[in-house]
């Protein structure tokens, strides 16, 4: 067994990533073709195996993935939301809340005071990662007998995080526990059948705010009583985290502005001439390292920036520790550097010197031709979705005044390199504001303002389904090149 009683499988156990490497501690199991594909002979002889290729009940050591994920919990914007601490005489100073950003990969918890000031912040991995890094893998698992298990895993993760905050501050009883996540995570939290959001016509039945007492939500053994509040979703792929972020940014008042959260799913909301529109595009897990041969999430040892110096590649890592893989922000840097130094051309083709072996970044860490193709698909999805929503709403990219980028990946993104690899349109130059965790920002604003006016974003936003437009497919092909 592993420390967490589950083994993360970014590809959902399909045997295409090789990242669920474990070491047999007791017993033995014969290597199979999947082991031989992803492991060296030396590793096999030392007892390493690719877990998804075996059915076993042995004691193993999890070596493939570092669980110490780094999650952006701070947020900033322009304009910043009004901090009501200046009105403290009107507020109950014993009014505390716990706010939770429910991510596909990680969960971020904050205990905040009456004015929205964080008292304590913790993060933890989402245990559902055992069934794939992307949303569709989990919907598939839920549809084939794993629904209850996935719901229980997520709810237990949430409960553990809350109790950890409570253990450190037992004298504080939060009045409310606010949660925001993408639509799939919202469905799991609410024990709603998610099969309808994974296939056309992508139904969304979570358009209302969910409220329930904590003892009913978590069970009667929960140590205190709070009200659970889960934000509503706009669409099958536009979740409560985007609703929260749009509310934080006052997007309904920011005429001709764009809000985008770049990740496995690129979610976009546009205020065009005072009207709100939203769309999404599946970028795949490349930006989070999921489909990259030596990719990893934002954890200690992840290479988070890459640059050329003295004719060789240099890098930095999170925590300044030995490199274990490449995370999303560094992948953007790497492509930009390879283009600049003519190691790849604008079609993404590696020079003959590196075509077969890939480019060595560090010991046992390579970047391959296949990885480049994965990045091309992901970046094309993002810029094509941006151009499509502008086209469908008759909005000129030049007329967009502000571009808010939310989320952890967007917070650390090198914007100039994003322009260089054509992931963002040049019309956005000098208009981009990197905002951090806008989901937590919105939940804080809800806590301090004591209003549910965030619901207007669900009711007044028009959804554009890119699968129903010829525009997106056209742009997608055009934007594959760098």
Protein backbone atom coordinates (compact mmCIF):
# COMPACT_ATOMS: atom_id res chain seq x y z
CA UNK A 1 0.00 0.00 0.00
CA UNK A 2 1.07 3.58 -0.52
CA UNK A 3 1.05 6.23 2.15
CA UNK A 4 -2.19 7.68 0.74
CA UNK A 5 -3.75 4.30 -0.09
CA UNK A 6 -4.01 5.21 -3.75
CA UNK A 7 -1.63 5.50 -6.67
CA UNK A 8 -1.99 8.62 -8.87
CA UNK A 9 -2.44 7.63 -12.53
CA UNK A 10 -2.38 10.76 -14.73
CA UNK A 11 -3.55 8.86 -17.83
CA UNK A 12 -6.32 7.11 -15.94
CA UNK A 13 -4.64 3.72 -16.10
CA UNK A 14 -4.52 3.59 -19.91
CA UNK A 15 -0.82 2.75 -19.88
CA UNK A 16 0.27 5.68 -22.01
CA UNK A 17 2.19 7.89 -19.56
CA UNK A 18 4.32 5.55 -17.42
CA UNK A 19 4.06 7.87 -14.41
CA UNK A 20 2.58 5.45 -11.87
CA UNK A 21 5.97 3.88 -11.14
CA UNK A 22 6.13 2.01 -7.83
CA UNK A 23 8.77 -0.08 -6.11
CA UNK A 24 7.86 -3.51 -4.73
CA UNK A 25 8.86 -3.63 -1.06
CA UNK A 26 7.65 -7.14 -0.19
CA UNK A 27 6.89 -9.98 -2.57
CA UNK A 28 7.49 -10.17 -6.29
CA UNK A 29 5.61 -9.68 -9.52
CA UNK A 30 6.91 -10.51 -12.97
CA UNK A 31 7.51 -7.56 -15.32
CA UNK A 32 5.20 -7.23 -18.32
CA UNK A 33 5.40 -5.35 -21.62
CA UNK A 34 4.22 -2.11 -20.03
CA UNK A 35 7.07 -2.26 -17.51
CA UNK A 36 9.56 -2.90 -20.31
CA UNK A 37 8.19 0.05 -22.29
CA UNK A 38 8.64 2.64 -19.55
CA UNK A 39 11.38 1.24 -17.29
CA UNK A 40 15.04 0.47 -17.78
CA UNK A 41 16.35 -3.05 -17.17
CA UNK A 42 18.12 -1.75 -14.08
CA UNK A 43 14.87 -0.34 -12.67
CA UNK A 44 13.03 -3.58 -13.35
CA UNK A 45 15.75 -5.58 -11.60
CA UNK A 46 15.49 -3.23 -8.61
CA UNK A 47 11.79 -4.06 -8.27
CA UNK A 48 10.16 -1.12 -10.01
CA UNK A 49 6.89 -1.67 -11.88
CA UNK A 50 4.28 0.40 -13.70
CA UNK A 51 1.33 0.02 -11.34
CA UNK A 52 -1.52 0.34 -13.86
CA UNK A 53 -0.25 -2.73 -15.70
CA UNK A 54 -0.76 -5.09 -12.75
CA UNK A 55 -3.38 -6.36 -10.35
CA UNK A 56 -1.58 -6.87 -7.05
CA UNK A 57 -1.96 -6.65 -3.31
CA UNK A 58 1.58 -5.96 -2.20
CA UNK A 59 3.41 -3.36 -0.18
CA UNK A 60 4.82 -0.80 -2.58
CA UNK A 61 6.67 2.48 -2.33
CA UNK A 62 5.20 5.33 -4.37
CA UNK A 63 8.07 6.92 -6.28
CA UNK A 64 6.51 8.37 -9.39
CA UNK A 65 4.91 11.58 -8.14
CA UNK A 66 5.71 14.08 -5.42
CA UNK A 67 2.58 14.88 -3.43
CA UNK A 68 3.81 18.23 -2.11
CA UNK A 69 1.92 20.31 -4.65
CA UNK A 70 2.27 24.08 -4.66
CA UNK A 71 -1.00 25.92 -5.17
CA UNK A 72 -1.40 29.65 -5.70
CA UNK A 73 -3.59 30.98 -2.90
CA UNK A 74 -2.99 34.71 -3.26
CA UNK A 75 -4.92 36.89 -5.65
CA UNK A 76 -4.69 40.38 -7.03
CA UNK A 77 -6.54 42.27 -9.68
CA UNK A 78 -7.22 45.62 -11.20
CA UNK A 79 -9.50 46.87 -9.86
CA UNK A 80 -9.11 45.12 -6.52
CA UNK A 81 -12.30 44.27 -4.71
CA UNK A 82 -13.20 46.63 -1.89
CA UNK A 83 -11.89 45.36 1.43
CA UNK A 84 -14.63 46.11 3.94
CA UNK A 85 -12.32 46.13 6.94
CA UNK A 86 -12.78 49.93 6.86
CA UNK A 87 -16.38 49.28 7.88
CA UNK A 88 -15.43 47.05 10.82
CA UNK A 89 -17.84 48.82 13.18
CA UNK A 90 -20.70 47.34 11.17
CA UNK A 91 -19.39 43.78 11.20
CA UNK A 92 -19.43 40.91 13.66
CA UNK A 93 -15.72 40.50 14.34
CA UNK A 94 -16.30 36.86 15.34
CA UNK A 95 -17.54 36.10 11.83
CA UNK A 96 -15.14 33.55 10.34
CA UNK A 97 -15.41 31.39 7.23
CA UNK A 98 -13.48 28.63 5.53
CA UNK A 99 -13.16 29.04 1.78
CA UNK A 100 -12.11 26.19 -0.51
CA UNK A 101 -10.93 26.17 -4.11
CA UNK A 102 -11.83 22.65 -5.26
CA UNK A 103 -9.41 21.88 -8.07
CA UNK A 104 -9.07 18.81 -10.26
CA UNK A 105 -5.47 18.34 -9.11
CA UNK A 106 -5.24 20.20 -5.80
CA UNK A 107 -7.46 21.61 -3.09
CA UNK A 108 -6.74 24.92 -1.40
CA UNK A 109 -8.27 25.81 1.99
CA UNK A 110 -8.25 29.15 3.79
CA UNK A 111 -9.58 30.16 7.19
CA UNK A 112 -10.46 33.87 6.95
CA UNK A 113 -11.58 36.45 9.48
CA UNK A 114 -14.49 38.91 9.30
CA UNK A 115 -12.56 41.21 6.92
CA UNK A 116 -11.45 38.40 4.62
CA UNK A 117 -7.88 38.32 5.91
CA UNK A 118 -6.38 34.80 5.73
CA UNK A 119 -5.54 33.29 9.12
CA UNK A 120 -4.26 29.97 7.78
CA UNK A 121 -3.88 28.41 4.34
CA UNK A 122 -3.28 24.74 3.50
CA UNK A 123 -3.28 22.70 0.33
CA UNK A 124 -3.69 19.01 -0.41
CA UNK A 125 -3.85 16.78 -3.48
CA UNK A 126 -7.20 15.69 -4.86
CA UNK A 127 -7.27 11.92 -4.25
CA UNK A 128 -9.31 11.42 -7.41
CA UNK A 129 -6.04 11.76 -9.32
CA UNK A 130 -5.80 7.99 -8.94
CA UNK A 131 -8.30 7.82 -11.79
CA UNK A 132 -6.71 10.28 -14.19
CA UNK A 133 -5.40 13.83 -14.39
CA UNK A 134 -8.25 15.09 -16.54
CA UNK A 135 -11.96 15.52 -15.93
CA UNK A 136 -13.19 13.19 -18.67
CA UNK A 137 -11.23 10.25 -17.20
CA UNK A 138 -13.07 10.73 -13.92
CA UNK A 139 -16.45 11.09 -15.58
CA UNK A 140 -15.71 7.82 -17.39
CA UNK A 141 -14.77 6.13 -14.12
CA UNK A 142 -17.96 7.42 -12.51
CA UNK A 143 -20.06 6.14 -15.40
CA UNK A 144 -18.66 2.61 -15.03
CA UNK A 145 -19.30 1.93 -11.38
CA UNK A 146 -16.98 4.38 -9.61
CA UNK A 147 -19.38 7.25 -8.93
CA UNK A 148 -19.84 6.70 -5.19
CA UNK A 149 -16.12 6.09 -4.69
CA UNK A 150 -15.19 9.35 -6.44
CA UNK A 151 -17.77 11.32 -4.44
CA UNK A 152 -16.52 9.83 -1.17
CA UNK A 153 -12.85 10.48 -2.03
CA UNK A 154 -13.44 14.15 -2.73
CA UNK A 155 -15.69 14.70 0.27
CA UNK A 156 -13.17 12.97 2.55
CA UNK A 157 -10.36 15.15 1.19
CA UNK A 158 -12.45 18.25 1.90
CA UNK A 159 -13.32 17.04 5.39
CA UNK A 160 -9.68 16.31 6.24
CA UNK A 161 -8.60 19.76 5.12
CA UNK A 162 -11.28 21.50 7.18
CA UNK A 163 -10.44 19.44 10.26
CA UNK A 164 -6.76 20.29 9.85
CA UNK A 165 -7.61 23.99 9.95
CA UNK A 166 -9.89 23.42 12.94
CA UNK A 167 -7.22 21.45 14.80
CA UNK A 168 -4.88 24.46 14.57
CA UNK A 169 -7.57 26.98 15.60
CA UNK A 170 -9.99 25.16 17.89
CA UNK A 171 -11.27 28.40 19.37
CA UNK A 172 -12.61 29.48 15.95
CA UNK A 173 -15.90 28.10 14.67
CA UNK A 174 -16.50 29.14 11.05
CA UNK A 175 -20.05 30.26 10.37
CA UNK A 176 -19.86 29.30 6.70
CA UNK A 177 -17.81 26.97 4.53
CA UNK A 178 -17.75 28.25 0.94
CA UNK A 179 -16.63 26.03 -1.96
CA UNK A 180 -16.09 26.68 -5.67
CA UNK A 181 -14.88 24.23 -8.29
CA UNK A 182 -15.33 23.22 -11.88
CA UNK A 183 -18.64 21.65 -12.83
CA UNK A 184 -17.42 18.05 -12.51
CA UNK A 185 -16.02 18.62 -9.01
CA UNK A 186 -19.26 20.41 -8.09
CA UNK A 187 -21.27 17.41 -9.24
CA UNK A 188 -19.16 15.03 -7.14
CA UNK A 189 -19.51 17.27 -4.09
CA UNK A 190 -23.27 17.34 -4.52
CA UNK A 191 -23.56 13.62 -5.32
CA UNK A 192 -25.07 14.39 -8.71
CA UNK A 193 -24.89 11.99 -11.65
CA UNK A 194 -22.21 13.47 -13.92
CA UNK A 195 -22.78 11.34 -17.03
CA UNK A 196 -24.71 14.18 -18.70
CA UNK A 197 -21.83 16.67 -18.53
CA UNK A 198 -19.38 14.32 -20.26
CA UNK A 199 -21.21 13.98 -23.57
CA UNK A 200 -23.34 16.05 -25.92
CA UNK A 201 -25.48 18.08 -25.24
CA UNK A 202 -23.39 18.60 -22.06
CA UNK A 203 -26.23 19.22 -19.60
CA UNK A 204 -25.66 21.25 -16.45
CA UNK A 205 -28.06 20.79 -13.54
CA UNK A 206 -25.99 22.72 -10.99
CA UNK A 207 -27.13 26.25 -11.85
CA UNK A 208 -28.33 26.92 -8.32
CA UNK A 209 -26.38 27.62 -5.14
CA UNK A 210 -26.19 24.54 -2.92
CA UNK A 211 -26.64 24.97 0.84
CA UNK A 212 -26.60 22.33 3.57
CA UNK A 213 -25.60 22.05 7.23
CA UNK A 214 -22.16 20.53 7.82
CA UNK A 215 -23.42 17.64 9.98
CA UNK A 216 -25.67 16.48 7.16
CA UNK A 217 -23.03 17.06 4.49
CA UNK A 218 -20.11 15.38 6.30
CA UNK A 219 -21.94 13.18 8.81
CA UNK A 220 -23.03 13.54 12.43
CA UNK A 221 -19.46 13.03 13.71
CA UNK A 222 -18.42 16.41 12.25
CA UNK A 223 -17.22 18.44 15.27
CA UNK A 224 -18.98 21.75 14.62
CA UNK A 225 -21.98 23.19 12.80
CA UNK A 226 -21.49 25.45 9.81
CA UNK A 227 -23.41 26.10 6.65
CA UNK A 228 -21.94 24.53 3.52
CA UNK A 229 -22.33 26.80 0.47
CA UNK A 230 -21.27 25.50 -2.97
CA UNK A 231 -21.30 27.98 -5.83
CA UNK A 232 -23.37 27.29 -8.95
CA UNK A 233 -22.05 26.52 -12.44
CA UNK A 234 -22.85 28.18 -15.75
CA UNK A 235 -22.23 25.25 -18.09
CA UNK A 236 -20.86 21.72 -18.14
CA UNK A 237 -17.38 23.19 -18.56
CA UNK A 238 -17.84 26.62 -16.94
CA UNK A 239 -17.89 25.98 -13.21
CA UNK A 240 -18.35 27.73 -9.90
CA UNK A 241 -14.67 28.66 -9.82
CA UNK A 242 -15.18 30.84 -12.91
CA UNK A 243 -18.37 32.31 -11.43
CA UNK A 244 -16.39 33.18 -8.30
CA UNK A 245 -13.54 34.64 -10.33
CA UNK A 246 -15.84 36.77 -12.50
CA UNK A 247 -17.56 38.08 -9.38
CA UNK A 248 -14.18 38.92 -7.81
CA UNK A 249 -13.11 40.83 -10.92
CA UNK A 250 -16.43 42.70 -11.29
CA UNK A 251 -16.42 41.42 -14.86
CA UNK A 252 -20.01 42.55 -15.42
CA UNK A 253 -18.81 46.14 -14.92
CA UNK A 254 -15.53 45.75 -16.87
CA UNK A 255 -16.87 46.47 -20.37
CA UNK A 256 -14.80 44.96 -23.21
CA UNK A 257 -12.69 42.75 -21.00
CA UNK A 258 -11.77 39.07 -21.06
CA UNK A 259 -11.27 36.60 -18.19
CA UNK A 260 -9.49 33.33 -18.89
CA UNK A 261 -8.41 30.43 -16.72
CA UNK A 262 -5.83 28.34 -18.55
CA UNK A 263 -5.55 24.71 -17.55
CA UNK A 264 -6.73 21.28 -18.64
CA UNK A 265 -9.86 23.11 -19.71
CA UNK A 266 -9.46 26.65 -20.99
CA UNK A 267 -12.44 28.58 -19.60
CA UNK A 268 -13.19 32.02 -20.99
CA UNK A 269 -15.67 34.77 -20.07
CA UNK A 270 -16.04 37.89 -22.18
CA UNK A 271 -17.74 41.19 -21.45
CA UNK A 272 -18.48 42.57 -24.89
CA UNK A 273 -20.28 45.91 -24.96
CA UNK A 274 -21.76 45.17 -21.53
CA UNK A 275 -23.04 41.67 -22.35
CA UNK A 276 -21.48 38.52 -20.87
CA UNK A 277 -20.48 35.47 -22.90
CA UNK A 278 -18.56 32.34 -21.97
CA UNK A 279 -17.00 29.34 -23.64
CA UNK A 280 -14.43 26.62 -23.01
CA UNK A 281 -11.97 24.50 -24.94
CA UNK A 282 -10.34 21.23 -23.94
CA UNK A 283 -6.61 21.93 -23.86
CA UNK A 284 -5.77 18.54 -22.35
CA UNK A 285 -3.44 17.98 -19.41
CA UNK A 286 -0.26 19.23 -21.15
CA UNK A 287 -0.17 22.53 -19.23
CA UNK A 288 -0.16 20.54 -15.99
CA UNK A 289 2.43 18.05 -17.23
CA UNK A 290 -0.09 15.23 -17.57
CA UNK A 291 0.53 14.26 -21.19
CA UNK A 292 4.21 15.25 -21.32
CA UNK A 293 6.69 12.36 -21.11
CA UNK A 294 8.70 13.98 -18.30
CA UNK A 295 6.00 16.40 -17.20
CA UNK A 296 4.89 16.99 -13.62
CA UNK A 297 2.64 19.27 -11.61
CA UNK A 298 3.82 22.26 -9.60
CA UNK A 299 5.62 20.41 -6.82
CA UNK A 300 9.06 20.43 -5.20
CA UNK A 301 11.64 19.56 -7.83
CA UNK A 302 9.47 20.60 -10.77
CA UNK A 303 11.41 22.60 -13.35
CA UNK A 304 9.48 25.87 -13.44
CA UNK A 305 11.55 28.00 -15.81
CA UNK A 306 13.98 27.27 -18.64
CA UNK A 307 16.33 29.58 -20.50
CA UNK A 308 19.46 29.50 -22.68
CA UNK A 309 22.74 30.77 -21.28
CA UNK A 310 26.21 30.27 -22.72
CA UNK A 311 24.72 28.13 -25.52
CA UNK A 312 23.17 25.61 -23.14
CA UNK A 313 19.80 25.13 -21.46
CA UNK A 314 19.54 26.26 -17.83
CA UNK A 315 16.62 25.84 -15.48
CA UNK A 316 15.24 26.57 -12.03
CA UNK A 317 13.16 24.25 -9.86
CA UNK A 318 10.46 24.73 -7.27
CA UNK A 319 12.07 24.53 -3.84
CA UNK A 320 15.53 24.67 -5.45
CA UNK A 321 15.70 20.88 -5.24
CA UNK A 322 16.85 18.23 -7.70
CA UNK A 323 14.67 18.16 -10.83
CA UNK A 324 11.95 15.50 -11.10
CA UNK A 325 10.15 16.75 -14.22
CA UNK A 326 8.93 19.78 -16.14
CA UNK A 327 5.84 21.76 -15.12
CA UNK A 328 3.59 23.82 -17.37
CA UNK A 329 5.18 27.25 -17.07
CA UNK A 330 8.59 25.86 -18.03
CA UNK A 331 7.14 24.11 -21.08
CA UNK A 332 6.09 27.49 -22.49
CA UNK A 333 9.59 28.85 -21.81
CA UNK A 334 11.20 25.83 -23.44
CA UNK A 335 9.21 26.11 -26.67
CA UNK A 336 10.04 29.83 -26.90
CA UNK A 337 13.76 29.14 -26.40
CA UNK A 338 13.79 26.31 -28.94
CA UNK A 339 12.15 28.58 -31.51
CA UNK A 340 14.57 31.41 -30.78
CA UNK A 341 17.59 29.12 -31.18
CA UNK A 342 16.17 27.40 -34.29
CA UNK A 343 16.10 23.97 -32.65
CA UNK A 344 12.49 23.67 -33.78
CA UNK A 345 10.85 25.41 -36.74
CA UNK A 346 7.46 27.11 -36.71
CA UNK A 347 5.75 23.77 -37.46
CA UNK A 348 7.21 22.35 -34.24
CA UNK A 349 9.62 19.99 -35.97
CA UNK A 350 12.82 19.26 -34.07
CA UNK A 351 16.12 19.45 -35.95
CA UNK A 352 17.57 16.13 -37.07
CA UNK A 353 20.06 16.12 -34.18
CA UNK A 354 17.27 15.83 -31.59
CA UNK A 355 14.43 14.28 -33.55
CA UNK A 356 14.93 10.68 -32.38
CA UNK A 357 16.29 11.20 -28.87
CA UNK A 358 14.61 14.42 -27.80
CA UNK A 359 16.37 17.22 -25.90
CA UNK A 360 18.01 16.42 -22.59
CA UNK A 361 17.00 18.97 -19.94
CA UNK A 362 18.44 17.22 -16.88
CA UNK A 363 19.33 13.71 -15.74
CA UNK A 364 16.62 11.36 -17.10
CA UNK A 365 14.48 14.35 -18.10
CA UNK A 366 13.93 14.74 -21.84
CA UNK A 367 11.63 16.78 -24.06
CA UNK A 368 10.54 14.89 -27.15
CA UNK A 369 8.91 15.46 -30.52
CA UNK A 370 5.69 13.94 -29.16
CA UNK A 371 5.76 16.42 -26.27
CA UNK A 372 5.97 19.31 -28.73
CA UNK A 373 2.89 18.02 -30.55
CA UNK A 374 1.01 17.84 -27.25
CA UNK A 375 1.89 21.49 -26.54
CA UNK A 376 0.82 22.52 -30.03
CA UNK A 377 -2.63 21.01 -29.52
CA UNK A 378 -3.00 22.66 -26.12
CA UNK A 379 -1.85 26.13 -27.10
CA UNK A 380 -3.93 26.06 -30.30
CA UNK A 381 -7.03 25.20 -28.27
CA UNK A 382 -6.51 28.28 -26.09
CA UNK A 383 -5.87 30.89 -28.77
CA UNK A 384 -8.54 29.39 -31.05
CA UNK A 385 -11.13 29.61 -28.26
CA UNK A 386 -10.19 33.25 -27.66
CA UNK A 387 -10.50 34.11 -31.34
CA UNK A 388 -13.73 32.12 -31.65
CA UNK A 389 -15.57 33.84 -28.81
CA UNK A 390 -14.48 37.20 -30.22
CA UNK A 391 -15.67 36.21 -33.71
CA UNK A 392 -19.01 34.81 -32.48
CA UNK A 393 -19.75 37.99 -30.51
CA UNK A 394 -18.48 40.35 -33.25
CA UNK A 395 -15.80 41.67 -30.91
CA UNK A 396 -12.49 42.94 -32.21
CA UNK A 397 -9.49 41.66 -30.26
CA UNK A 398 -8.03 45.16 -30.55
CA UNK A 399 -11.05 46.58 -28.71
CA UNK A 400 -10.58 44.35 -25.65
CA UNK A 401 -9.17 46.66 -22.99
CA UNK A 402 -8.18 44.23 -20.22
CA UNK A 403 -7.32 40.52 -20.16
CA UNK A 404 -7.50 38.91 -16.73
CA UNK A 405 -5.69 35.58 -16.40
CA UNK A 406 -6.59 33.49 -13.37
CA UNK A 407 -5.30 30.26 -11.88
CA UNK A 408 -1.93 28.92 -10.79
CA UNK A 409 -0.62 28.18 -14.27
CA UNK A 410 -1.56 31.65 -15.46
CA UNK A 411 -0.01 33.30 -12.40
CA UNK A 412 3.48 31.98 -13.19
CA UNK A 413 3.14 32.15 -16.96
CA UNK A 414 5.82 34.11 -18.82
CA UNK A 415 3.52 36.33 -20.85
CA UNK A 416 6.14 37.36 -23.40
CA UNK A 417 6.92 33.73 -24.14
CA UNK A 418 3.18 33.06 -24.50
CA UNK A 419 3.11 35.61 -27.30
CA UNK A 420 6.23 34.10 -28.87
CA UNK A 421 4.68 30.63 -29.17
CA UNK A 422 1.34 32.15 -30.31
CA UNK A 423 -0.74 30.93 -27.39
CA UNK A 424 -2.08 34.44 -26.81
CA UNK A 425 -2.90 36.92 -29.59
CA UNK A 426 -0.54 39.87 -30.08
CA UNK A 427 -3.50 42.23 -29.70
CA UNK A 428 -3.37 41.50 -25.96
CA UNK A 429 0.10 42.99 -25.53
CA UNK A 430 0.27 45.26 -22.44
CA UNK A 431 -3.35 44.42 -21.55
CA UNK A 432 -2.79 41.30 -19.44
CA UNK A 433 -3.27 41.21 -15.67
CA UNK A 434 -2.16 38.00 -13.91
CA UNK A 435 -4.60 37.66 -11.04
CA UNK A 436 -3.72 34.44 -9.20
CA UNK A 437 -6.40 32.43 -7.46
CA UNK A 438 -9.50 34.39 -8.47
CA UNK A 439 -11.68 31.56 -7.17
CA UNK A 440 -10.51 32.21 -3.60
CA UNK A 441 -10.73 35.94 -4.25
CA UNK A 442 -14.40 35.63 -5.18
CA UNK A 443 -15.21 33.44 -2.18
CA UNK A 444 -13.54 35.99 0.10
CA UNK A 445 -15.63 38.74 -1.47
CA UNK A 446 -18.81 36.71 -0.95
CA UNK A 447 -17.88 36.25 2.73
CA UNK A 448 -17.17 39.93 3.32
CA UNK A 449 -20.06 41.37 1.33
CA UNK A 450 -22.67 38.84 2.54
CA UNK A 451 -24.44 38.89 -0.82
CA UNK A 452 -25.26 36.26 -3.42
CA UNK A 453 -25.00 38.67 -6.34
CA UNK A 454 -22.50 36.26 -7.91
CA UNK A 455 -25.58 34.35 -9.12
CA UNK A 456 -26.17 37.01 -11.77
CA UNK A 457 -23.23 35.58 -13.72
CA UNK A 458 -25.07 32.27 -14.04
CA UNK A 459 -28.34 33.90 -15.09
CA UNK A 460 -27.06 36.57 -17.47
CA UNK A 461 -24.16 34.84 -19.27
CA UNK A 462 -24.69 33.42 -22.77
CA UNK A 463 -22.80 30.18 -23.42
CA UNK A 464 -21.14 29.60 -26.78
CA UNK A 465 -20.57 25.92 -27.56
CA UNK A 466 -17.48 25.78 -29.76
CA UNK A 467 -18.27 22.25 -30.94
CA UNK A 468 -21.28 23.69 -32.76
CA UNK A 469 -19.27 26.29 -34.66
CA UNK A 470 -17.13 25.95 -37.77
CA UNK A 471 -15.12 28.91 -36.54
CA UNK A 472 -13.25 27.00 -33.82
CA UNK A 473 -12.19 24.12 -36.07
CA UNK A 474 -10.92 26.58 -38.67
CA UNK A 475 -8.93 28.55 -36.11
CA UNK A 476 -7.63 25.38 -34.47
CA UNK A 477 -5.95 24.18 -37.67
CA UNK A 478 -4.59 27.65 -38.45
CA UNK A 479 -3.06 28.08 -34.97
CA UNK A 480 -1.21 24.77 -34.65
CA UNK A 481 2.03 26.34 -35.85
CA UNK A 482 4.24 28.40 -33.56
